[in-house]
Amino acid sequence: MKKKILIGLALATVALTSFAVFGILVPAGSFKSIEPHFAGTTEVIPIEIAGPEDIEIDKKEGLVFISADDRRNNRNVRGGILMYKIEDGIQTIKNVTPTSPSDFHPHGISLFRATDSTLYLFAINHQLSGAQRVEKFLWKNESLEYIESFEDKNKMTSPNDLVAVGENIFYVTNDHFYTEGLSKTLEEYLQRRISFVNYFDGETFQTVATGIGYANGINQSPDGKYIFVAGCTERVLYVYEKGGNGTLAEVEKIELGTGPDNIDFDEEGNLLVGCHPQLLKFVSYAKDAKNYSPSQVLKIKFTAPNDFTVEEIFLNDGSTYSGSSVAVMYGNTMLIGSVFEPSLLYCTLKK
């Protein structure tokens, strides 16, 4: 009997070890080979607020907006929105955060230009009070002016990113179903596909996409036909076709083999995705800046369902720049942001 118990324990140990290796470590990219490459030059640009997690470009006026929050010290440092004009250069970057709301810790941001050319900026705000809100600002006279806030304590529980599709209309990702405790931890490490996307129609929130593994970045195709959502722990990019009343119908799921974060578009309409190729290293880096986390940017040319290409255009082992979360491009310049770094990575591509 004792021998059978020992054999049973041994088999259970093997099973648990196999699960840890193949169920957690492999999908997290722990054994992925990192061979740094980039066809160009890079320069680290220090900024006044750490954590430039998301970046948006207003192509009409050449304005670059950066969402920054010092997540390692955010109880002492107010987050902010930084901005510079492309024609003036990145060295002219300045803080354009309005005084309201005073409890401001931005995450994902989105720009929307109305038919009368008015420019609005929307920002996820994780307030220290515990409130989860979307803040709406007006860009006017070279500064941001607070307009109003949107929240839903039942549906918008863990917002990550958003894309504005109207003056008061947007889609917003919720990266967790559970927001605290063991349930949240198991959701992350077991890569459970239970996060979701909400749609706000100007009055109410409704859930329009479910079954996603850590719903992260979100954006709309330039033609307004598709919504793209990053499934970070799932290592995929979801493609939804928009329907009436904000409904979404899944038409493609692109396997990326890496943890996608924020999504942007270049001038040709290709997707640029900031990624975390080794998710457990990113977790370690989140705890201690001395632990590098690789940075990666993918370029995806999406023409239609079943017609796309994926190209890795940037990869670094983290020693130059760690924890890439977003990449935007204008001309032959690519700007990379990070969840925690006190800087931006300014990249110049070879022509």
Protein backbone atom coordinates (compact mmCIF):
# COMPACT_ATOMS: atom_id res chain seq x y z
CA MET A 1 0.00 0.00 0.00
CA LYS A 2 2.81 2.40 0.95
CA LYS A 3 4.53 1.66 -2.38
CA LYS A 4 1.34 2.49 -4.29
CA ILE A 5 1.01 5.76 -2.39
CA LEU A 6 4.60 6.71 -3.23
CA ILE A 7 4.07 5.86 -6.89
CA GLY A 8 0.89 7.91 -6.87
CA LEU A 9 2.65 10.90 -5.34
CA ALA A 10 5.46 10.59 -7.87
CA LEU A 11 3.01 10.53 -10.76
CA ALA A 12 1.16 13.50 -9.31
CA THR A 13 4.44 15.41 -9.01
CA VAL A 14 5.29 14.64 -12.63
CA ALA A 15 1.82 15.72 -13.72
CA LEU A 16 2.04 19.01 -11.81
CA THR A 17 5.53 19.67 -13.15
CA SER A 18 4.39 18.98 -16.70
CA PHE A 19 1.44 21.31 -16.21
CA ALA A 20 3.73 24.05 -14.90
CA VAL A 21 6.08 23.65 -17.86
CA PHE A 22 3.60 23.21 -20.67
CA GLY A 23 0.62 25.03 -19.19
CA ILE A 24 2.31 28.11 -17.77
CA LEU A 25 6.00 28.46 -18.67
CA VAL A 26 5.82 27.63 -22.38
CA PRO A 27 2.80 29.86 -23.16
CA ALA A 28 4.44 32.66 -21.14
CA GLY A 29 7.45 32.54 -23.48
CA SER A 30 9.90 31.47 -20.76
CA PHE A 31 11.91 29.38 -23.21
CA LYS A 32 11.64 31.80 -26.12
CA SER A 33 14.97 32.74 -27.70
CA ILE A 34 15.56 36.51 -27.73
CA GLU A 35 17.77 37.68 -30.59
CA PRO A 36 17.74 41.51 -30.56
CA HIS A 37 17.36 43.31 -33.88
CA PHE A 38 16.18 46.60 -35.34
CA ALA A 39 16.93 48.17 -38.71
CA GLY A 40 17.82 51.61 -37.40
CA THR A 41 19.12 53.57 -34.43
CA THR A 42 17.65 54.12 -30.97
CA GLU A 43 17.89 56.83 -28.32
CA VAL A 44 16.52 56.76 -24.77
CA ILE A 45 14.61 59.98 -23.98
CA PRO A 46 14.06 60.66 -20.24
CA ILE A 47 10.64 62.05 -19.27
CA GLU A 48 9.35 63.72 -16.11
CA ILE A 49 6.80 61.01 -15.25
CA ALA A 50 7.73 57.33 -15.46
CA GLY A 51 5.55 54.73 -17.14
CA PRO A 52 4.65 56.02 -20.65
CA GLU A 53 2.25 53.11 -21.11
CA ASP A 54 0.23 54.40 -24.08
CA ILE A 55 0.83 56.86 -26.93
CA GLU A 56 -1.58 58.41 -29.44
CA ILE A 57 -0.86 60.58 -32.49
CA ASP A 58 -3.18 63.16 -33.96
CA LYS A 59 -2.01 62.95 -37.56
CA LYS A 60 -3.94 66.04 -38.68
CA GLU A 61 -1.90 68.45 -36.54
CA GLY A 62 1.09 66.22 -35.82
CA LEU A 63 0.52 66.03 -32.06
CA VAL A 64 1.91 63.18 -29.94
CA PHE A 65 0.10 62.47 -26.64
CA ILE A 66 1.63 60.18 -24.00
CA SER A 67 -0.14 58.62 -21.00
CA ALA A 68 2.30 58.28 -18.09
CA ASP A 69 1.95 57.06 -14.53
CA ASP A 70 4.71 56.01 -12.13
CA ARG A 71 3.19 52.66 -11.16
CA ARG A 72 5.99 51.84 -8.73
CA ASN A 73 5.41 55.06 -6.83
CA ASN A 74 1.95 56.19 -7.89
CA ARG A 75 0.72 57.01 -4.40
CA ASN A 76 3.22 59.85 -4.28
CA VAL A 77 3.32 60.99 -7.91
CA ARG A 78 0.28 62.14 -9.88
CA GLY A 79 0.09 60.70 -13.35
CA GLY A 80 -0.19 62.87 -16.41
CA ILE A 81 -0.54 63.43 -20.13
CA LEU A 82 2.63 64.55 -21.91
CA MET A 83 2.66 66.07 -25.39
CA TYR A 84 4.92 67.35 -28.13
CA LYS A 85 4.51 68.51 -31.71
CA ILE A 86 6.26 66.40 -34.31
CA GLU A 87 7.50 69.50 -36.13
CA ASP A 88 9.11 70.82 -32.92
CA GLY A 89 10.77 67.54 -31.97
CA ILE A 90 10.60 65.21 -29.00
CA GLN A 91 12.94 67.40 -26.96
CA THR A 92 10.06 69.90 -26.60
CA ILE A 93 7.87 67.41 -24.73
CA LYS A 94 5.76 69.04 -21.99
CA ASN A 95 3.18 68.15 -19.38
CA VAL A 96 -0.31 69.25 -20.48
CA THR A 97 -2.29 67.60 -17.65
CA PRO A 98 -5.13 69.79 -16.35
CA THR A 99 -5.62 70.28 -12.61
CA SER A 100 -8.83 68.25 -12.66
CA PRO A 101 -9.30 65.49 -11.76
CA SER A 102 -6.74 65.75 -8.98
CA ASP A 103 -6.73 61.97 -8.45
CA PHE A 104 -5.36 61.10 -11.89
CA HIS A 105 -3.51 57.91 -12.81
CA PRO A 106 -3.96 57.33 -16.55
CA HIS A 107 -3.65 54.05 -18.42
CA GLY A 108 -4.92 53.63 -21.99
CA ILE A 109 -5.80 56.75 -24.00
CA SER A 110 -7.64 57.46 -27.23
CA LEU A 111 -8.10 60.52 -29.45
CA PHE A 112 -11.25 61.47 -31.31
CA ARG A 113 -11.56 64.34 -33.77
CA ALA A 114 -15.15 65.47 -34.30
CA THR A 115 -16.64 66.54 -37.63
CA ASP A 116 -16.09 70.19 -36.65
CA SER A 117 -12.37 69.35 -36.10
CA THR A 118 -12.63 69.58 -32.31
CA LEU A 119 -10.12 67.20 -30.73
CA TYR A 120 -10.95 65.14 -27.64
CA LEU A 121 -8.75 62.89 -25.54
CA PHE A 122 -10.20 60.02 -23.51
CA ALA A 123 -8.19 58.35 -20.74
CA ILE A 124 -8.65 55.38 -18.43
CA ASN A 125 -8.15 56.63 -14.87
CA HIS A 126 -7.35 54.21 -12.02
CA GLN A 127 -8.01 56.49 -9.09
CA LEU A 128 -6.33 55.82 -5.78
CA SER A 129 -9.79 56.00 -4.24
CA GLY A 130 -10.54 52.76 -6.10
CA ALA A 131 -12.83 54.32 -8.70
CA GLN A 132 -12.36 53.19 -12.30
CA ARG A 133 -13.27 55.96 -14.71
CA VAL A 134 -12.93 57.17 -18.27
CA GLU A 135 -12.03 60.86 -18.33
CA LYS A 136 -12.87 63.07 -21.28
CA PHE A 137 -10.74 66.11 -22.12
CA LEU A 138 -10.91 68.84 -24.76
CA TRP A 139 -7.71 69.91 -26.52
CA LYS A 140 -7.91 73.70 -26.69
CA ASN A 141 -5.35 76.51 -26.76
CA GLU A 142 -2.40 74.12 -26.51
CA SER A 143 -3.76 72.49 -23.34
CA LEU A 144 -6.23 69.88 -22.11
CA GLU A 145 -9.48 70.91 -20.46
CA TYR A 146 -11.43 68.44 -18.33
CA ILE A 147 -14.98 67.86 -19.62
CA GLU A 148 -16.60 64.91 -17.83
CA SER A 149 -16.19 61.39 -16.43
CA PHE A 150 -17.83 58.05 -17.24
CA GLU A 151 -17.99 55.01 -14.97
CA ASP A 152 -19.92 51.84 -14.27
CA LYS A 153 -19.04 50.06 -11.03
CA ASN A 154 -20.56 46.79 -12.26
CA LYS A 155 -19.32 46.55 -15.85
CA MET A 156 -16.14 48.66 -16.00
CA THR A 157 -14.33 46.96 -13.14
CA SER A 158 -10.78 46.59 -14.49
CA PRO A 159 -10.41 48.87 -17.54
CA ASN A 160 -7.16 48.76 -19.47
CA ASP A 161 -7.52 50.51 -22.83
CA LEU A 162 -10.19 52.17 -24.92
CA VAL A 163 -10.91 53.43 -28.41
CA ALA A 164 -13.23 56.40 -28.93
CA VAL A 165 -15.52 56.03 -31.94
CA GLY A 166 -17.70 59.08 -31.25
CA GLU A 167 -17.79 62.22 -29.12
CA ASN A 168 -19.22 60.22 -26.20
CA ILE A 169 -18.98 56.70 -27.59
CA PHE A 170 -16.19 54.21 -27.00
CA TYR A 171 -15.15 50.58 -26.57
CA VAL A 172 -13.16 49.71 -23.44
CA THR A 173 -11.32 46.51 -22.50
CA ASN A 174 -11.54 44.96 -19.03
CA ASP A 175 -8.38 42.91 -18.55
CA HIS A 176 -9.68 40.89 -15.57
CA PHE A 177 -12.96 39.32 -14.59
CA TYR A 178 -11.82 39.04 -10.98
CA THR A 179 -10.27 42.16 -9.49
CA GLU A 180 -8.60 40.91 -6.32
CA GLY A 181 -7.35 37.97 -4.27
CA LEU A 182 -6.61 34.38 -5.25
CA SER A 183 -9.24 34.39 -8.01
CA LYS A 184 -7.40 37.20 -9.78
CA THR A 185 -4.04 35.45 -9.40
CA LEU A 186 -5.40 32.18 -10.78
CA GLU A 187 -7.02 34.04 -13.66
CA GLU A 188 -3.61 35.42 -14.61
CA TYR A 189 -1.39 32.36 -14.16
CA LEU A 190 -3.89 29.86 -15.56
CA GLN A 191 -4.43 32.21 -18.50
CA ARG A 192 -8.19 31.98 -18.09
CA ARG A 193 -10.16 33.44 -20.99
CA ILE A 194 -12.76 35.33 -19.02
CA SER A 195 -12.02 39.02 -19.62
CA PHE A 196 -14.20 41.13 -21.87
CA VAL A 197 -14.92 44.28 -23.90
CA ASN A 198 -17.59 46.85 -23.09
CA TYR A 199 -19.28 49.39 -25.36
CA PHE A 200 -20.46 52.76 -24.09
CA ASP A 201 -23.15 54.30 -26.32
CA GLY A 202 -23.17 57.68 -24.60
CA GLU A 203 -25.54 56.60 -21.84
CA THR A 204 -24.94 53.01 -20.75
CA PHE A 205 -22.28 50.29 -20.84
CA GLN A 206 -22.93 46.90 -22.37
CA THR A 207 -20.64 43.89 -22.78
CA VAL A 208 -20.06 43.11 -26.46
CA ALA A 209 -17.18 40.60 -26.48
CA THR A 210 -16.24 37.91 -23.94
CA GLY A 211 -13.95 34.89 -23.55
CA ILE A 212 -10.66 36.78 -23.92
CA GLY A 213 -7.41 35.98 -22.13
CA TYR A 214 -6.45 39.32 -20.51
CA ALA A 215 -8.12 41.81 -22.88
CA ASN A 216 -5.50 44.52 -23.26
CA GLY A 217 -5.04 47.00 -26.11
CA ILE A 218 -7.90 47.93 -28.42
CA ASN A 219 -8.20 50.00 -31.57
CA GLN A 220 -10.39 50.58 -34.60
CA SER A 221 -9.30 50.07 -38.21
CA PRO A 222 -8.84 53.31 -40.18
CA ASP A 223 -11.93 52.50 -42.27
CA GLY A 224 -14.01 51.98 -39.11
CA LYS A 225 -15.00 48.43 -40.10
CA TYR A 226 -13.05 46.36 -37.57
CA ILE A 227 -12.16 46.44 -33.89
CA PHE A 228 -8.86 44.83 -32.87
CA VAL A 229 -8.34 43.52 -29.32
CA ALA A 230 -5.12 42.17 -27.81
CA GLY A 231 -5.51 38.94 -25.81
CA CYS A 232 -2.29 39.30 -23.81
CA THR A 233 -1.98 36.03 -21.86
CA GLU A 234 -3.69 34.23 -24.74
CA ARG A 235 -0.99 35.62 -27.09
CA VAL A 236 -3.46 36.43 -29.84
CA LEU A 237 -5.01 39.38 -31.65
CA TYR A 238 -8.78 39.26 -31.97
CA VAL A 239 -10.45 40.86 -34.99
CA TYR A 240 -14.12 41.81 -34.70
CA GLU A 241 -16.43 43.20 -37.34
CA LYS A 242 -18.57 46.04 -36.06
CA GLY A 243 -22.33 45.76 -36.19
CA GLY A 244 -25.26 47.90 -35.21
CA ASN A 245 -25.55 49.26 -31.67
CA GLY A 246 -21.87 48.59 -31.03
CA THR A 247 -22.11 44.83 -31.42
CA LEU A 248 -18.97 42.88 -32.32
CA ALA A 249 -18.69 39.66 -34.34
CA GLU A 250 -15.39 37.77 -34.20
CA VAL A 251 -14.01 37.19 -37.72
CA GLU A 252 -10.36 36.35 -37.02
CA LYS A 253 -8.01 35.32 -34.23
CA ILE A 254 -4.37 35.89 -35.16
CA GLU A 255 -1.88 33.74 -33.25
CA LEU A 256 1.11 35.91 -32.31
CA GLY A 257 3.14 33.72 -29.95
CA THR A 258 3.80 36.74 -27.72
CA GLY A 259 1.87 38.90 -25.24
CA PRO A 260 0.33 41.82 -27.19
CA ASP A 261 -0.32 45.09 -25.40
CA ASN A 262 -1.38 48.37 -27.06
CA ILE A 263 -2.33 48.67 -30.74
CA ASP A 264 -1.72 51.55 -33.13
CA PHE A 265 -1.68 52.12 -36.89
CA ASP A 266 1.06 53.50 -39.12
CA GLU A 267 0.43 55.88 -42.02
CA GLU A 268 -0.19 52.95 -44.38
CA GLY A 269 -2.83 51.39 -42.14
CA ASN A 270 -0.65 48.58 -40.78
CA LEU A 271 -1.06 47.65 -37.13
CA LEU A 272 1.83 48.28 -34.74
CA VAL A 273 1.64 46.23 -31.55
CA GLY A 274 3.87 46.66 -28.50
CA CYS A 275 4.45 43.20 -27.02
CA HIS A 276 5.85 41.28 -24.05
CA PRO A 277 7.55 38.16 -25.49
CA GLN A 278 8.35 36.72 -22.04
CA LEU A 279 5.42 37.41 -19.74
CA LEU A 280 6.91 35.97 -16.54
CA LYS A 281 10.00 38.12 -17.01
CA PHE A 282 7.66 41.09 -17.29
CA VAL A 283 6.05 40.08 -13.97
CA SER A 284 9.54 39.93 -12.41
CA TYR A 285 10.44 43.31 -13.94
CA ALA A 286 7.22 44.82 -12.56
CA LYS A 287 8.44 43.92 -9.07
CA ASP A 288 12.03 45.11 -9.56
CA ALA A 289 13.43 47.40 -12.27
CA LYS A 290 16.74 45.50 -12.15
CA ASN A 291 15.06 42.50 -13.75
CA TYR A 292 15.00 43.21 -17.48
CA SER A 293 11.92 42.35 -19.54
CA PRO A 294 12.29 42.03 -23.34
CA SER A 295 10.65 44.59 -25.60
CA GLN A 296 9.09 43.75 -28.95
CA VAL A 297 7.12 45.45 -31.73
CA LEU A 298 5.11 43.60 -34.35
CA LYS A 299 3.87 45.04 -37.63
CA ILE A 300 0.69 43.41 -38.90
CA LYS A 301 -0.71 44.01 -42.35
CA PHE A 302 -4.38 43.10 -42.16
CA THR A 303 -6.33 43.27 -45.41
CA ALA A 304 -9.27 41.02 -44.60
CA PRO A 305 -10.03 37.86 -42.60
CA ASN A 306 -7.56 35.13 -43.62
CA ASP A 307 -5.46 37.74 -45.42
CA PHE A 308 -2.76 39.13 -43.13
CA THR A 309 0.98 39.07 -42.47
CA VAL A 310 2.89 39.43 -39.20
CA GLU A 311 6.43 40.88 -39.09
CA GLU A 312 8.66 41.45 -36.07
CA ILE A 313 10.34 44.83 -36.64
CA PHE A 314 11.89 45.38 -33.20
CA LEU A 315 13.21 43.08 -30.50
CA ASN A 316 15.40 43.90 -27.51
CA ASP A 317 16.38 41.76 -24.52
CA GLY A 318 15.36 44.55 -22.16
CA SER A 319 18.85 45.85 -21.43
CA THR A 320 18.21 48.91 -23.62
CA TYR A 321 14.50 49.29 -22.93
CA SER A 322 12.24 47.04 -20.84
CA GLY A 323 8.55 46.24 -20.84
CA SER A 324 7.43 47.73 -24.17
CA SER A 325 3.69 48.37 -24.19
CA VAL A 326 3.12 50.56 -27.25
CA ALA A 327 4.71 51.68 -30.50
CA VAL A 328 3.66 54.50 -32.83
CA MET A 329 5.21 55.57 -36.09
CA TYR A 330 5.42 58.73 -38.18
CA GLY A 331 7.73 59.13 -41.15
CA ASN A 332 10.84 57.08 -40.43
CA THR A 333 10.45 57.58 -36.66
CA MET A 334 9.08 54.99 -34.26
CA LEU A 335 8.36 55.87 -30.64
CA ILE A 336 8.14 53.05 -28.07
CA GLY A 337 6.61 53.38 -24.61
CA SER A 338 6.76 51.15 -21.53
CA VAL A 339 4.65 50.28 -18.51
CA PHE A 340 7.40 51.27 -16.05
CA GLU A 341 10.41 52.88 -17.74
CA PRO A 342 11.18 56.55 -16.87
CA SER A 343 11.77 57.23 -20.55
CA LEU A 344 10.67 56.77 -24.13
CA LEU A 345 12.65 54.93 -26.81
CA TYR A 346 13.08 57.14 -29.87
CA CYS A 347 13.81 54.96 -32.90
CA THR A 348 14.92 56.12 -36.33
CA LEU A 349 14.41 53.57 -39.09
CA LYS A 350 16.80 53.28 -41.97
CA LYS A 351 15.19 54.69 -45.09
